[in-house]
Amino acid sequence: MMVITLTDAALKKLKNIGINEDNAPRIDADLAGGCGISVKFALIFDEPRRNDTVIEQEGIQLRIDRFTKRYLEEETQIDYTDDQGFLVGESFESSACAIEIE
């Protein structure tokens, strides 16, 4: 089971934004790299997608697509600061490369 926790600051900001169906908050994974992989999570606002997972907390619906869900930890926290905006969970990097030599 996936648990998404909103800090008080993040919840307050989301409630003040004025969310509608075409502008829903989504946790998004941004992948970079070739052999190694770097994953950074962000909270973006866009329209709902058909296969989204929807998690609701205190009237706020957060959407997660299948791709992003694969990389999220089972427990993820979303925070908000005026300087950095929304901060989602832990970003991570993997440098695992397999090279076969025959």
N, C-alpha and C. Protein backbone atom coordinates (compact mmCIF):
# COMPACT_ATOMS: atom_id res chain seq x y z
N MET A 1 0.84 -1.19 0.00
CA MET A 1 0.00 0.00 0.00
C MET A 1 0.87 1.25 0.00
N MET A 2 0.54 2.19 -0.83
CA MET A 2 1.31 3.42 -0.94
C MET A 2 0.73 4.48 -0.01
N VAL A 3 1.61 5.16 0.74
CA VAL A 3 1.19 6.21 1.65
C VAL A 3 1.85 7.52 1.21
N ILE A 4 1.02 8.51 0.89
CA ILE A 4 1.52 9.83 0.55
C ILE A 4 1.15 10.75 1.69
N THR A 5 2.13 11.44 2.26
CA THR A 5 1.88 12.34 3.38
C THR A 5 2.14 13.77 2.93
N LEU A 6 1.18 14.63 3.20
CA LEU A 6 1.35 16.06 2.94
C LEU A 6 1.68 16.76 4.24
N THR A 7 2.76 17.55 4.26
CA THR A 7 3.03 18.35 5.45
C THR A 7 1.96 19.44 5.53
N ASP A 8 1.87 20.08 6.68
CA ASP A 8 0.89 21.16 6.85
C ASP A 8 1.11 22.27 5.83
N ALA A 9 2.39 22.59 5.56
CA ALA A 9 2.71 23.66 4.61
C ALA A 9 2.25 23.29 3.19
N ALA A 10 2.47 22.03 2.80
CA ALA A 10 2.06 21.58 1.46
C ALA A 10 0.55 21.56 1.34
N LEU A 11 -0.12 21.08 2.36
CA LEU A 11 -1.58 21.02 2.35
C LEU A 11 -2.19 22.41 2.26
N LYS A 12 -1.66 23.34 3.03
CA LYS A 12 -2.15 24.72 3.01
C LYS A 12 -1.97 25.34 1.62
N LYS A 13 -0.80 25.13 1.01
CA LYS A 13 -0.54 25.70 -0.31
C LYS A 13 -1.48 25.09 -1.35
N LEU A 14 -1.67 23.78 -1.32
CA LEU A 14 -2.56 23.12 -2.28
C LEU A 14 -4.00 23.61 -2.14
N LYS A 15 -4.45 23.83 -0.91
CA LYS A 15 -5.81 24.31 -0.69
C LYS A 15 -5.98 25.74 -1.20
N ASN A 16 -4.90 26.53 -1.19
CA ASN A 16 -4.97 27.92 -1.64
C ASN A 16 -4.81 28.09 -3.14
N ILE A 17 -4.34 27.07 -3.82
CA ILE A 17 -4.07 27.17 -5.26
C ILE A 17 -5.35 27.24 -6.09
N GLY A 18 -6.38 26.54 -5.67
CA GLY A 18 -7.61 26.51 -6.45
C GLY A 18 -7.51 25.45 -7.54
N ILE A 19 -7.67 24.21 -7.16
CA ILE A 19 -7.51 23.07 -8.06
C ILE A 19 -8.84 22.80 -8.76
N ASN A 20 -8.77 22.50 -10.06
CA ASN A 20 -9.96 22.06 -10.78
C ASN A 20 -9.62 20.81 -11.59
N GLU A 21 -10.59 20.26 -12.30
CA GLU A 21 -10.39 18.99 -13.01
C GLU A 21 -9.30 19.06 -14.07
N ASP A 22 -9.12 20.21 -14.70
CA ASP A 22 -8.11 20.34 -15.75
C ASP A 22 -6.75 20.74 -15.21
N ASN A 23 -6.67 20.96 -13.91
CA ASN A 23 -5.43 21.44 -13.31
C ASN A 23 -5.17 20.68 -12.01
N ALA A 24 -5.10 19.34 -12.12
CA ALA A 24 -4.97 18.49 -10.94
C ALA A 24 -3.50 18.29 -10.56
N PRO A 25 -3.20 18.24 -9.25
CA PRO A 25 -1.82 17.98 -8.83
C PRO A 25 -1.42 16.53 -9.13
N ARG A 26 -0.23 16.36 -9.68
CA ARG A 26 0.29 15.05 -10.07
C ARG A 26 1.72 14.92 -9.58
N ILE A 27 2.05 13.75 -9.01
CA ILE A 27 3.45 13.46 -8.70
C ILE A 27 4.06 12.91 -9.98
N ASP A 28 5.14 13.52 -10.41
CA ASP A 28 5.76 13.18 -11.69
C ASP A 28 7.21 12.78 -11.47
N ALA A 29 7.64 11.72 -12.16
CA ALA A 29 9.04 11.27 -12.09
C ALA A 29 9.76 11.72 -13.35
N ASP A 30 10.92 12.35 -13.15
CA ASP A 30 11.77 12.77 -14.27
C ASP A 30 13.02 11.92 -14.24
N LEU A 31 13.18 11.08 -15.25
CA LEU A 31 14.33 10.18 -15.32
C LEU A 31 15.38 10.74 -16.26
N ALA A 32 16.63 10.56 -15.88
CA ALA A 32 17.74 10.98 -16.72
C ALA A 32 18.83 9.93 -16.62
N GLY A 33 19.63 9.82 -17.66
CA GLY A 33 20.76 8.90 -17.61
C GLY A 33 20.66 7.83 -18.66
N GLY A 34 21.74 7.10 -18.77
CA GLY A 34 21.79 6.00 -19.72
C GLY A 34 22.04 4.72 -18.96
N CYS A 35 23.31 4.46 -18.69
CA CYS A 35 23.69 3.26 -17.96
C CYS A 35 23.22 3.37 -16.51
N GLY A 36 23.47 4.50 -15.88
CA GLY A 36 22.95 4.78 -14.55
C GLY A 36 21.67 5.56 -14.72
N ILE A 37 20.90 5.64 -13.67
CA ILE A 37 19.63 6.35 -13.76
C ILE A 37 19.50 7.32 -12.60
N SER A 38 18.95 8.47 -12.88
CA SER A 38 18.67 9.47 -11.87
C SER A 38 17.17 9.78 -11.93
N VAL A 39 16.51 9.71 -10.79
CA VAL A 39 15.07 9.97 -10.75
C VAL A 39 14.82 11.14 -9.80
N LYS A 40 14.13 12.15 -10.32
CA LYS A 40 13.74 13.30 -9.50
C LYS A 40 12.22 13.40 -9.56
N PHE A 41 11.62 13.60 -8.41
CA PHE A 41 10.17 13.71 -8.33
C PHE A 41 9.76 15.17 -8.20
N ALA A 42 8.63 15.51 -8.80
CA ALA A 42 8.11 16.86 -8.73
C ALA A 42 6.59 16.80 -8.63
N LEU A 43 6.02 17.86 -8.12
CA LEU A 43 4.56 18.00 -8.12
C LEU A 43 4.22 18.98 -9.23
N ILE A 44 3.49 18.48 -10.23
CA ILE A 44 3.10 19.30 -11.36
C ILE A 44 1.57 19.38 -11.39
N PHE A 45 1.05 20.24 -12.24
CA PHE A 45 -0.40 20.39 -12.37
C PHE A 45 -0.77 20.19 -13.82
N ASP A 46 -1.60 19.18 -14.09
CA ASP A 46 -2.09 18.96 -15.45
C ASP A 46 -3.41 18.20 -15.41
N GLU A 47 -3.90 17.82 -16.58
CA GLU A 47 -5.20 17.16 -16.63
C GLU A 47 -5.09 15.70 -16.23
N PRO A 48 -6.18 15.15 -15.70
CA PRO A 48 -6.18 13.74 -15.31
C PRO A 48 -5.94 12.81 -16.50
N ARG A 49 -5.33 11.66 -16.22
CA ARG A 49 -5.12 10.62 -17.24
C ARG A 49 -5.94 9.40 -16.87
N ARG A 50 -6.30 8.63 -17.86
CA ARG A 50 -7.25 7.53 -17.68
C ARG A 50 -6.79 6.51 -16.62
N ASN A 51 -5.52 6.16 -16.59
CA ASN A 51 -5.05 5.11 -15.68
C ASN A 51 -4.36 5.63 -14.42
N ASP A 52 -4.65 6.87 -14.06
CA ASP A 52 -4.06 7.44 -12.86
C ASP A 52 -4.50 6.70 -11.60
N THR A 53 -3.58 6.62 -10.64
CA THR A 53 -3.94 6.25 -9.29
C THR A 53 -4.25 7.55 -8.57
N VAL A 54 -5.35 7.60 -7.85
CA VAL A 54 -5.74 8.82 -7.14
C VAL A 54 -5.66 8.55 -5.64
N ILE A 55 -4.92 9.40 -4.95
CA ILE A 55 -4.81 9.31 -3.50
C ILE A 55 -5.36 10.61 -2.94
N GLU A 56 -6.28 10.51 -2.01
CA GLU A 56 -6.92 11.71 -1.47
C GLU A 56 -6.53 11.91 -0.02
N GLN A 57 -6.22 13.15 0.31
CA GLN A 57 -5.90 13.50 1.69
C GLN A 57 -6.52 14.85 1.99
N GLU A 58 -7.40 14.87 2.96
CA GLU A 58 -8.09 16.09 3.39
C GLU A 58 -8.68 16.87 2.22
N GLY A 59 -9.33 16.16 1.32
CA GLY A 59 -10.01 16.79 0.20
C GLY A 59 -9.13 17.11 -0.99
N ILE A 60 -7.84 16.86 -0.90
CA ILE A 60 -6.91 17.09 -2.01
C ILE A 60 -6.66 15.77 -2.70
N GLN A 61 -6.91 15.70 -4.01
CA GLN A 61 -6.65 14.49 -4.78
C GLN A 61 -5.31 14.63 -5.50
N LEU A 62 -4.40 13.72 -5.20
CA LEU A 62 -3.10 13.65 -5.88
C LEU A 62 -3.15 12.52 -6.88
N ARG A 63 -2.65 12.77 -8.07
CA ARG A 63 -2.66 11.76 -9.13
C ARG A 63 -1.24 11.26 -9.37
N ILE A 64 -1.16 9.96 -9.68
CA ILE A 64 0.13 9.33 -9.98
C ILE A 64 -0.10 8.41 -11.16
N ASP A 65 0.73 8.56 -12.21
CA ASP A 65 0.59 7.63 -13.33
C ASP A 65 1.40 6.36 -13.05
N ARG A 66 1.18 5.33 -13.85
CA ARG A 66 1.83 4.03 -13.62
C ARG A 66 3.35 4.13 -13.66
N PHE A 67 3.87 4.91 -14.58
CA PHE A 67 5.32 5.07 -14.73
C PHE A 67 5.94 5.62 -13.45
N THR A 68 5.38 6.70 -12.93
CA THR A 68 5.91 7.32 -11.71
C THR A 68 5.74 6.40 -10.51
N LYS A 69 4.62 5.71 -10.44
CA LYS A 69 4.32 4.83 -9.30
C LYS A 69 5.40 3.76 -9.12
N ARG A 70 6.00 3.31 -10.22
CA ARG A 70 7.04 2.27 -10.14
C ARG A 70 8.27 2.75 -9.37
N TYR A 71 8.52 4.05 -9.38
CA TYR A 71 9.74 4.58 -8.77
C TYR A 71 9.54 5.18 -7.38
N LEU A 72 8.29 5.44 -7.01
CA LEU A 72 8.03 6.04 -5.69
C LEU A 72 8.24 5.03 -4.58
N GLU A 73 8.70 5.52 -3.45
CA GLU A 73 8.80 4.69 -2.25
C GLU A 73 7.38 4.40 -1.76
N GLU A 74 7.23 3.39 -0.91
CA GLU A 74 5.91 3.08 -0.37
C GLU A 74 5.38 4.20 0.50
N GLU A 75 6.29 4.94 1.14
CA GLU A 75 5.90 6.11 1.93
C GLU A 75 6.63 7.31 1.36
N THR A 76 5.87 8.29 0.91
CA THR A 76 6.44 9.49 0.30
C THR A 76 5.84 10.72 0.96
N GLN A 77 6.69 11.68 1.26
CA GLN A 77 6.22 12.92 1.88
C GLN A 77 6.33 14.06 0.88
N ILE A 78 5.32 14.92 0.88
CA ILE A 78 5.34 16.13 0.05
C ILE A 78 5.36 17.32 0.99
N ASP A 79 6.33 18.19 0.79
CA ASP A 79 6.48 19.39 1.62
C ASP A 79 6.40 20.61 0.70
N TYR A 80 6.33 21.78 1.29
CA TYR A 80 6.33 23.02 0.51
C TYR A 80 7.14 24.07 1.26
N THR A 81 8.01 24.77 0.52
CA THR A 81 8.69 25.94 1.06
C THR A 81 8.57 27.06 0.04
N ASP A 82 8.56 28.30 0.51
CA ASP A 82 8.47 29.43 -0.40
C ASP A 82 9.67 29.49 -1.34
N ASP A 83 10.83 29.10 -0.85
CA ASP A 83 12.05 29.16 -1.66
C ASP A 83 12.11 28.08 -2.73
N GLN A 84 11.73 26.86 -2.39
CA GLN A 84 11.90 25.73 -3.30
C GLN A 84 10.61 25.19 -3.89
N GLY A 85 9.46 25.67 -3.45
CA GLY A 85 8.20 25.16 -3.95
C GLY A 85 7.89 23.81 -3.33
N PHE A 86 7.22 22.94 -4.10
CA PHE A 86 6.87 21.61 -3.59
C PHE A 86 8.07 20.68 -3.68
N LEU A 87 8.31 19.95 -2.59
CA LEU A 87 9.40 18.98 -2.52
C LEU A 87 8.78 17.60 -2.34
N VAL A 88 9.08 16.70 -3.25
CA VAL A 88 8.45 15.38 -3.25
C VAL A 88 9.47 14.30 -2.95
N GLY A 89 9.29 13.62 -1.83
CA GLY A 89 10.07 12.43 -1.50
C GLY A 89 11.56 12.56 -1.67
N GLU A 90 12.15 11.43 -1.91
CA GLU A 90 13.60 11.32 -2.09
C GLU A 90 13.91 11.08 -3.55
N SER A 91 14.75 11.91 -4.12
CA SER A 91 15.27 11.62 -5.46
C SER A 91 16.37 10.58 -5.28
N PHE A 92 16.63 9.80 -6.30
CA PHE A 92 17.68 8.79 -6.15
C PHE A 92 18.42 8.58 -7.45
N GLU A 93 19.59 7.98 -7.31
CA GLU A 93 20.41 7.65 -8.46
C GLU A 93 20.85 6.20 -8.36
N SER A 94 20.94 5.55 -9.50
CA SER A 94 21.46 4.20 -9.57
C SER A 94 22.55 4.18 -10.63
N SER A 95 23.68 3.63 -10.29
CA SER A 95 24.78 3.60 -11.27
C SER A 95 25.08 2.18 -11.70
N ALA A 96 24.10 1.32 -11.59
CA ALA A 96 24.31 -0.08 -11.95
C ALA A 96 24.43 -0.24 -13.46
N CYS A 97 25.58 -0.70 -13.90
CA CYS A 97 25.80 -0.98 -15.32
C CYS A 97 26.30 -2.41 -15.44
N ALA A 98 25.77 -3.12 -16.38
CA ALA A 98 26.24 -4.47 -16.62
C ALA A 98 26.93 -4.50 -17.99
N ILE A 99 28.14 -4.96 -18.00
CA ILE A 99 28.89 -5.07 -19.26
C ILE A 99 29.28 -6.52 -19.43
N GLU A 100 28.90 -7.08 -20.56
CA GLU A 100 29.28 -8.46 -20.85
C GLU A 100 30.45 -8.47 -21.80
N ILE A 101 31.47 -9.24 -21.42
CA ILE A 101 32.64 -9.39 -22.30
C ILE A 101 32.80 -10.86 -22.59
N GLU A 102 32.85 -11.18 -23.87
CA GLU A 102 32.99 -12.59 -24.25
C GLU A 102 34.36 -12.88 -24.78
